[in-house]
Amino acid sequence: MFRYDTIQTTDTNGNTVICANLQSAIAYNTGRVPVKDTTDTEATVSVTAYVSPSGQYYVMHGNQRMDVANAQTARYYLSNGVPASVMLAASLQSLK
């Protein structure tokens, strides 16, 4: 009698995996199985992008201003948010 749990293989990390069919076993063995990303994403804050009359691009969250290198960086932060640690570092930098 054939049982589904008799197909065993090792994945790319060397762990033994019990597979339901041969194609799953081949996928595990060759590393084609999607890997769940368990990394924690950092909290971000939403910002508004501005450009000063002198041409300096910056983003603001509340009353905290953070200068950025160019328009593309400002657009990226506008659509994706600024990591809280980056905004905090910029705020502390302005205190000096």
N, C-alpha and C. Protein backbone atom coordinates (compact mmCIF):
# COMPACT_ATOMS: atom_id res chain seq x y z
N MET A 1 0.84 -1.18 0.00
CA MET A 1 0.00 0.00 0.00
C MET A 1 0.89 1.24 0.00
N PHE A 2 0.56 2.18 -0.83
CA PHE A 2 1.32 3.43 -0.95
C PHE A 2 0.70 4.48 -0.03
N ARG A 3 1.55 5.13 0.76
CA ARG A 3 1.08 6.21 1.64
C ARG A 3 1.72 7.51 1.19
N TYR A 4 0.97 8.61 1.30
CA TYR A 4 1.49 9.91 0.87
C TYR A 4 2.66 10.38 1.70
N ASP A 5 2.69 10.02 2.96
CA ASP A 5 3.76 10.51 3.81
C ASP A 5 5.06 9.71 3.66
N THR A 6 5.13 8.84 2.66
CA THR A 6 6.35 8.08 2.46
C THR A 6 7.35 8.81 1.57
N ILE A 7 6.94 9.87 0.90
CA ILE A 7 7.86 10.63 0.07
C ILE A 7 8.55 11.67 0.95
N GLN A 8 9.84 11.46 1.16
CA GLN A 8 10.61 12.39 1.99
C GLN A 8 11.77 12.93 1.19
N THR A 9 12.09 14.16 1.44
CA THR A 9 13.22 14.79 0.78
C THR A 9 13.81 15.80 1.75
N THR A 10 14.87 16.44 1.35
CA THR A 10 15.43 17.51 2.15
C THR A 10 15.31 18.81 1.37
N ASP A 11 15.02 19.88 2.08
CA ASP A 11 14.94 21.17 1.41
C ASP A 11 16.34 21.77 1.31
N THR A 12 16.44 22.98 0.82
CA THR A 12 17.74 23.60 0.60
C THR A 12 18.48 23.91 1.91
N ASN A 13 17.75 23.92 3.03
CA ASN A 13 18.39 24.14 4.33
C ASN A 13 18.80 22.84 5.02
N GLY A 14 18.51 21.71 4.42
CA GLY A 14 18.87 20.42 4.99
C GLY A 14 17.82 19.82 5.89
N ASN A 15 16.65 20.44 5.99
CA ASN A 15 15.57 19.91 6.81
C ASN A 15 14.82 18.80 6.07
N THR A 16 14.40 17.76 6.79
CA THR A 16 13.62 16.68 6.19
C THR A 16 12.19 17.13 6.03
N VAL A 17 11.65 16.95 4.84
CA VAL A 17 10.28 17.38 4.53
C VAL A 17 9.51 16.18 4.03
N ILE A 18 8.30 15.97 4.55
CA ILE A 18 7.41 14.91 4.08
C ILE A 18 6.46 15.54 3.08
N CYS A 19 6.41 14.98 1.88
CA CYS A 19 5.63 15.58 0.80
C CYS A 19 4.47 14.68 0.40
N ALA A 20 3.43 15.31 -0.16
CA ALA A 20 2.25 14.57 -0.59
C ALA A 20 2.44 13.93 -1.96
N ASN A 21 3.32 14.49 -2.79
CA ASN A 21 3.52 13.93 -4.11
C ASN A 21 4.96 14.18 -4.58
N LEU A 22 5.30 13.57 -5.67
CA LEU A 22 6.66 13.65 -6.19
C LEU A 22 7.02 15.07 -6.64
N GLN A 23 6.09 15.77 -7.24
CA GLN A 23 6.38 17.13 -7.70
C GLN A 23 6.67 18.08 -6.53
N SER A 24 5.97 17.91 -5.42
CA SER A 24 6.27 18.72 -4.23
C SER A 24 7.66 18.40 -3.71
N ALA A 25 8.03 17.14 -3.71
CA ALA A 25 9.35 16.74 -3.24
C ALA A 25 10.44 17.35 -4.13
N ILE A 26 10.23 17.35 -5.43
CA ILE A 26 11.20 17.94 -6.36
C ILE A 26 11.29 19.45 -6.13
N ALA A 27 10.16 20.10 -5.89
CA ALA A 27 10.17 21.54 -5.65
C ALA A 27 10.93 21.88 -4.38
N TYR A 28 10.72 21.11 -3.32
CA TYR A 28 11.46 21.35 -2.08
C TYR A 28 12.96 21.12 -2.28
N ASN A 29 13.29 20.06 -2.97
CA ASN A 29 14.69 19.68 -3.14
C ASN A 29 15.45 20.69 -3.99
N THR A 30 14.80 21.30 -4.97
CA THR A 30 15.47 22.25 -5.85
C THR A 30 15.34 23.69 -5.38
N GLY A 31 14.60 23.94 -4.28
CA GLY A 31 14.48 25.28 -3.74
C GLY A 31 13.47 26.16 -4.45
N ARG A 32 12.49 25.57 -5.11
CA ARG A 32 11.49 26.35 -5.83
C ARG A 32 10.24 26.62 -5.01
N VAL A 33 10.24 26.28 -3.73
CA VAL A 33 9.09 26.51 -2.87
C VAL A 33 9.20 27.93 -2.31
N PRO A 34 8.10 28.71 -2.34
CA PRO A 34 8.16 30.06 -1.79
C PRO A 34 8.52 30.03 -0.30
N VAL A 35 9.32 30.99 0.11
CA VAL A 35 9.74 31.08 1.50
C VAL A 35 8.99 32.22 2.15
N LYS A 36 8.39 31.94 3.29
CA LYS A 36 7.66 32.98 4.01
C LYS A 36 8.67 33.91 4.66
N ASP A 37 8.52 35.19 4.40
CA ASP A 37 9.41 36.19 4.98
C ASP A 37 8.86 36.60 6.34
N THR A 38 9.58 36.27 7.40
CA THR A 38 9.11 36.54 8.75
C THR A 38 9.80 37.74 9.37
N THR A 39 10.50 38.53 8.57
CA THR A 39 11.16 39.70 9.12
C THR A 39 10.12 40.76 9.46
N ASP A 40 10.32 41.42 10.57
CA ASP A 40 9.41 42.47 10.99
C ASP A 40 9.74 43.74 10.22
N THR A 41 8.72 44.35 9.68
CA THR A 41 8.93 45.60 8.98
C THR A 41 8.89 46.73 9.98
N GLU A 42 9.71 47.72 9.75
CA GLU A 42 9.79 48.85 10.68
C GLU A 42 8.60 49.77 10.47
N ALA A 43 8.13 50.35 11.55
CA ALA A 43 7.01 51.28 11.47
C ALA A 43 7.41 52.52 10.68
N THR A 44 6.50 53.01 9.87
CA THR A 44 6.77 54.20 9.06
C THR A 44 5.79 55.29 9.43
N VAL A 45 6.18 56.51 9.14
CA VAL A 45 5.30 57.66 9.36
C VAL A 45 4.98 58.27 8.00
N SER A 46 3.76 58.75 7.85
CA SER A 46 3.39 59.38 6.58
C SER A 46 3.91 60.81 6.57
N VAL A 47 4.31 61.25 5.41
CA VAL A 47 4.91 62.57 5.26
C VAL A 47 4.29 63.30 4.08
N THR A 48 4.58 64.58 4.02
CA THR A 48 4.20 65.42 2.90
C THR A 48 5.49 65.97 2.29
N ALA A 49 5.59 65.93 0.97
CA ALA A 49 6.81 66.37 0.29
C ALA A 49 6.68 67.82 -0.15
N TYR A 50 7.79 68.54 -0.05
CA TYR A 50 7.86 69.96 -0.44
C TYR A 50 9.17 70.22 -1.15
N VAL A 51 9.21 71.34 -1.85
CA VAL A 51 10.45 71.84 -2.41
C VAL A 51 10.52 73.32 -2.04
N SER A 52 11.66 73.75 -1.53
CA SER A 52 11.83 75.14 -1.12
C SER A 52 12.11 76.00 -2.35
N PRO A 53 11.97 77.32 -2.23
CA PRO A 53 12.27 78.19 -3.37
C PRO A 53 13.72 78.07 -3.85
N SER A 54 14.62 77.67 -2.95
CA SER A 54 16.02 77.50 -3.37
C SER A 54 16.27 76.17 -4.07
N GLY A 55 15.26 75.29 -4.10
CA GLY A 55 15.40 74.02 -4.80
C GLY A 55 15.69 72.83 -3.89
N GLN A 56 15.72 73.02 -2.58
CA GLN A 56 15.96 71.93 -1.63
C GLN A 56 14.67 71.14 -1.43
N TYR A 57 14.75 69.84 -1.64
CA TYR A 57 13.60 68.97 -1.41
C TYR A 57 13.60 68.53 0.04
N TYR A 58 12.41 68.45 0.63
CA TYR A 58 12.28 67.98 2.01
C TYR A 58 10.91 67.38 2.21
N VAL A 59 10.79 66.58 3.25
CA VAL A 59 9.52 65.99 3.64
C VAL A 59 9.22 66.41 5.07
N MET A 60 7.94 66.50 5.39
CA MET A 60 7.55 66.92 6.72
C MET A 60 6.52 65.95 7.29
N HIS A 61 6.69 65.68 8.58
CA HIS A 61 5.72 64.93 9.36
C HIS A 61 5.37 65.82 10.55
N GLY A 62 4.19 66.38 10.52
CA GLY A 62 3.84 67.35 11.56
C GLY A 62 4.70 68.58 11.39
N ASN A 63 5.44 68.94 12.44
CA ASN A 63 6.34 70.09 12.34
C ASN A 63 7.80 69.66 12.23
N GLN A 64 8.04 68.38 11.95
CA GLN A 64 9.41 67.89 11.82
C GLN A 64 9.79 67.81 10.34
N ARG A 65 10.85 68.51 10.02
CA ARG A 65 11.32 68.57 8.63
C ARG A 65 12.54 67.67 8.47
N MET A 66 12.59 66.96 7.33
CA MET A 66 13.74 66.14 7.01
C MET A 66 14.14 66.45 5.57
N ASP A 67 15.34 67.01 5.38
CA ASP A 67 15.84 67.29 4.04
C ASP A 67 16.18 65.97 3.35
N VAL A 68 15.90 65.91 2.04
CA VAL A 68 16.20 64.72 1.26
C VAL A 68 17.07 65.13 0.07
N ALA A 69 17.66 64.17 -0.58
CA ALA A 69 18.65 64.44 -1.62
C ALA A 69 18.05 65.01 -2.90
N ASN A 70 16.90 64.46 -3.33
CA ASN A 70 16.36 64.89 -4.61
C ASN A 70 14.87 64.58 -4.68
N ALA A 71 14.27 64.90 -5.83
CA ALA A 71 12.83 64.72 -6.00
C ALA A 71 12.43 63.25 -5.93
N GLN A 72 13.26 62.36 -6.45
CA GLN A 72 12.93 60.94 -6.44
C GLN A 72 12.85 60.41 -5.00
N THR A 73 13.77 60.85 -4.15
CA THR A 73 13.74 60.42 -2.75
C THR A 73 12.50 60.95 -2.06
N ALA A 74 12.14 62.19 -2.33
CA ALA A 74 10.93 62.77 -1.74
C ALA A 74 9.69 62.01 -2.20
N ARG A 75 9.64 61.65 -3.48
CA ARG A 75 8.50 60.88 -3.98
C ARG A 75 8.43 59.49 -3.35
N TYR A 76 9.59 58.86 -3.16
CA TYR A 76 9.62 57.54 -2.54
C TYR A 76 9.08 57.61 -1.11
N TYR A 77 9.56 58.58 -0.35
CA TYR A 77 9.08 58.73 1.03
C TYR A 77 7.61 59.11 1.07
N LEU A 78 7.14 59.86 0.09
CA LEU A 78 5.74 60.23 0.03
C LEU A 78 4.85 59.01 -0.18
N SER A 79 5.27 58.11 -1.05
CA SER A 79 4.44 56.94 -1.34
C SER A 79 4.64 55.80 -0.35
N ASN A 80 5.84 55.65 0.22
CA ASN A 80 6.11 54.52 1.11
C ASN A 80 6.21 54.88 2.58
N GLY A 81 6.29 56.15 2.89
CA GLY A 81 6.47 56.58 4.27
C GLY A 81 7.94 56.55 4.64
N VAL A 82 8.26 57.23 5.73
CA VAL A 82 9.64 57.29 6.22
C VAL A 82 9.74 56.38 7.44
N PRO A 83 10.74 55.51 7.51
CA PRO A 83 10.91 54.70 8.72
C PRO A 83 11.05 55.61 9.94
N ALA A 84 10.42 55.22 11.03
CA ALA A 84 10.42 56.04 12.24
C ALA A 84 11.83 56.31 12.74
N SER A 85 12.74 55.34 12.62
CA SER A 85 14.11 55.54 13.10
C SER A 85 14.84 56.58 12.26
N VAL A 86 14.55 56.64 10.96
CA VAL A 86 15.19 57.63 10.09
C VAL A 86 14.68 59.03 10.43
N MET A 87 13.37 59.16 10.66
CA MET A 87 12.81 60.45 11.01
C MET A 87 13.32 60.91 12.37
N LEU A 88 13.45 60.00 13.31
CA LEU A 88 13.98 60.34 14.63
C LEU A 88 15.43 60.79 14.54
N ALA A 89 16.23 60.09 13.75
CA ALA A 89 17.64 60.47 13.57
C ALA A 89 17.75 61.85 12.94
N ALA A 90 16.90 62.15 11.96
CA ALA A 90 16.93 63.46 11.32
C ALA A 90 16.51 64.54 12.30
N SER A 91 15.54 64.25 13.16
CA SER A 91 15.11 65.22 14.16
C SER A 91 16.22 65.50 15.17
N LEU A 92 16.91 64.44 15.60
CA LEU A 92 18.00 64.63 16.55
C LEU A 92 19.17 65.35 15.92
N GLN A 93 19.38 65.14 14.62
CA GLN A 93 20.48 65.81 13.91
C GLN A 93 20.24 67.31 13.86
N SER A 94 18.96 67.70 13.74
CA SER A 94 18.66 69.12 13.64
C SER A 94 18.82 69.85 14.97
N LEU A 95 18.89 69.11 16.07
CA LEU A 95 19.07 69.73 17.39
C LEU A 95 20.48 70.20 17.63
N LYS A 96 21.44 69.68 16.88
CA LYS A 96 22.85 70.03 17.10
C LYS A 96 23.15 71.44 16.70
